[in-house]
């Protein structure tokens, strides 16, 4: 699992330096890590394999994984981050957002 995290981090790192951040759309799921392995996605509180499966089912092809940390404890949640990243193995990048709310006027693409 740690190898998976390193592979995704190394893959996403050059993209962050080259391209501007991708804006979140209504079609993009936002994973809100809560700590202790739990995360909310699409209004559901999930953990472990269920979280990875939900991310894999909801993330559109070619779109990044959008993650928000709900609190300070969530920023250190390796279990929750690992599960979310395992579900988003085909995501080209990871975008950390301050809020999962869409800006006014955002639309699905």
Protein backbone atom coordinates (compact mmCIF):
# COMPACT_ATOMS: atom_id res chain seq x y z
CA UNK A 1 0.00 0.00 0.00
CA UNK A 2 2.86 2.38 0.75
CA UNK A 3 4.31 1.64 -2.68
CA UNK A 4 0.97 2.61 -4.22
CA UNK A 5 0.98 5.91 -2.33
CA UNK A 6 4.52 6.69 -3.45
CA UNK A 7 3.75 5.82 -7.07
CA UNK A 8 0.71 8.10 -7.13
CA UNK A 9 2.56 10.92 -5.37
CA UNK A 10 5.48 10.72 -7.78
CA UNK A 11 3.14 10.57 -10.75
CA UNK A 12 1.13 13.59 -9.57
CA UNK A 13 4.10 15.69 -8.48
CA UNK A 14 5.40 16.76 -11.94
CA UNK A 15 1.88 17.60 -13.09
CA UNK A 16 1.43 20.03 -10.21
CA UNK A 17 4.49 21.99 -11.26
CA UNK A 18 3.53 22.09 -14.96
CA UNK A 19 -0.20 22.70 -15.05
CA UNK A 20 -2.56 25.05 -13.19
CA UNK A 21 -5.03 23.41 -10.79
CA UNK A 22 -8.04 21.78 -12.40
CA UNK A 23 -11.33 23.33 -11.25
CA UNK A 24 -13.86 21.02 -9.62
CA UNK A 25 -17.14 20.55 -11.49
CA UNK A 26 -20.53 19.17 -10.43
CA UNK A 27 -19.59 15.83 -12.02
CA UNK A 28 -16.52 15.44 -9.80
CA UNK A 29 -16.80 13.66 -6.46
CA UNK A 30 -15.06 15.28 -3.51
CA UNK A 31 -13.68 13.02 -0.79
CA UNK A 32 -13.81 14.65 2.64
CA UNK A 33 -11.36 12.85 4.92
CA UNK A 34 -12.57 12.91 8.53
CA UNK A 35 -9.84 10.96 10.30
CA UNK A 36 -9.55 7.48 11.78
CA UNK A 37 -9.98 5.95 8.32
CA UNK A 38 -13.38 7.51 7.64
CA UNK A 39 -14.33 9.76 4.76
CA UNK A 40 -17.51 11.19 3.29
CA UNK A 41 -18.21 10.98 -0.42
CA UNK A 42 -21.56 11.78 -1.96
CA UNK A 43 -23.14 12.14 1.48
CA UNK A 44 -22.07 8.64 2.58
CA UNK A 45 -19.62 8.02 5.43
CA UNK A 46 -17.34 5.16 4.37
CA UNK A 47 -14.15 3.40 5.40
CA UNK A 48 -11.62 1.03 3.84
CA UNK A 49 -12.64 -1.02 0.82
CA UNK A 50 -16.09 0.57 0.70
CA UNK A 51 -14.44 3.98 0.39
CA UNK A 52 -12.06 2.80 -2.34
CA UNK A 53 -14.96 1.23 -4.26
CA UNK A 54 -17.10 4.38 -3.96
CA UNK A 55 -14.25 6.56 -5.25
CA UNK A 56 -13.60 4.18 -8.16
CA UNK A 57 -17.30 4.17 -9.12
CA UNK A 58 -17.77 7.94 -8.92
CA UNK A 59 -14.60 9.44 -10.37
CA UNK A 60 -14.95 10.35 -14.07
CA UNK A 61 -12.25 9.05 -16.43
CA UNK A 62 -9.37 11.46 -16.84
CA UNK A 63 -10.44 13.69 -13.93
CA UNK A 64 -8.39 14.26 -10.77
CA UNK A 65 -9.25 13.09 -7.27
CA UNK A 66 -10.49 16.03 -5.18
CA UNK A 67 -9.75 15.71 -1.45
CA UNK A 68 -10.69 17.92 1.49
CA UNK A 69 -9.45 17.51 5.05
CA UNK A 70 -12.35 18.01 7.46
CA UNK A 71 -10.12 18.66 10.47
CA UNK A 72 -6.54 18.54 11.69
CA UNK A 73 -6.77 14.84 12.56
CA UNK A 74 -7.81 14.06 8.97
CA UNK A 75 -4.60 15.51 7.53
CA UNK A 76 -2.68 12.68 9.26
CA UNK A 77 -5.14 9.93 8.29
CA UNK A 78 -3.00 7.47 6.33
CA UNK A 79 -5.71 4.80 6.32
CA UNK A 80 -8.38 7.07 4.84
CA UNK A 81 -5.99 8.63 2.33
CA UNK A 82 -4.76 5.19 1.24
CA UNK A 83 -8.31 3.94 0.66
CA UNK A 84 -9.28 7.05 -1.32
CA UNK A 85 -6.14 6.86 -3.45
CA UNK A 86 -6.59 3.13 -4.07
CA UNK A 87 -10.00 3.88 -5.56
CA UNK A 88 -8.57 6.65 -7.71
CA UNK A 89 -5.67 4.67 -9.14
CA UNK A 90 -6.48 5.90 -12.67
CA UNK A 91 -6.84 9.55 -11.68
CA UNK A 92 -4.18 11.67 -13.40
CA UNK A 93 -3.67 13.87 -10.30
CA UNK A 94 -4.81 14.70 -6.79
CA UNK A 95 -6.19 18.12 -5.93
CA UNK A 96 -6.49 19.25 -2.31
CA UNK A 97 -9.40 21.66 -1.93
CA UNK A 98 -10.50 23.94 0.91
CA UNK A 99 -14.17 23.11 0.44
CA UNK A 100 -16.22 20.50 -1.40
CA UNK A 101 -18.78 23.18 -2.27
CA UNK A 102 -18.85 24.29 -5.88
CA UNK A 103 -18.41 27.97 -6.65
CA UNK A 104 -21.57 29.77 -7.70
CA UNK A 105 -22.22 29.23 -11.39
CA UNK A 106 -20.17 26.01 -11.70
CA UNK A 107 -21.64 23.47 -14.06
CA UNK A 108 -21.10 19.85 -15.03
CA UNK A 109 -18.77 19.27 -17.95
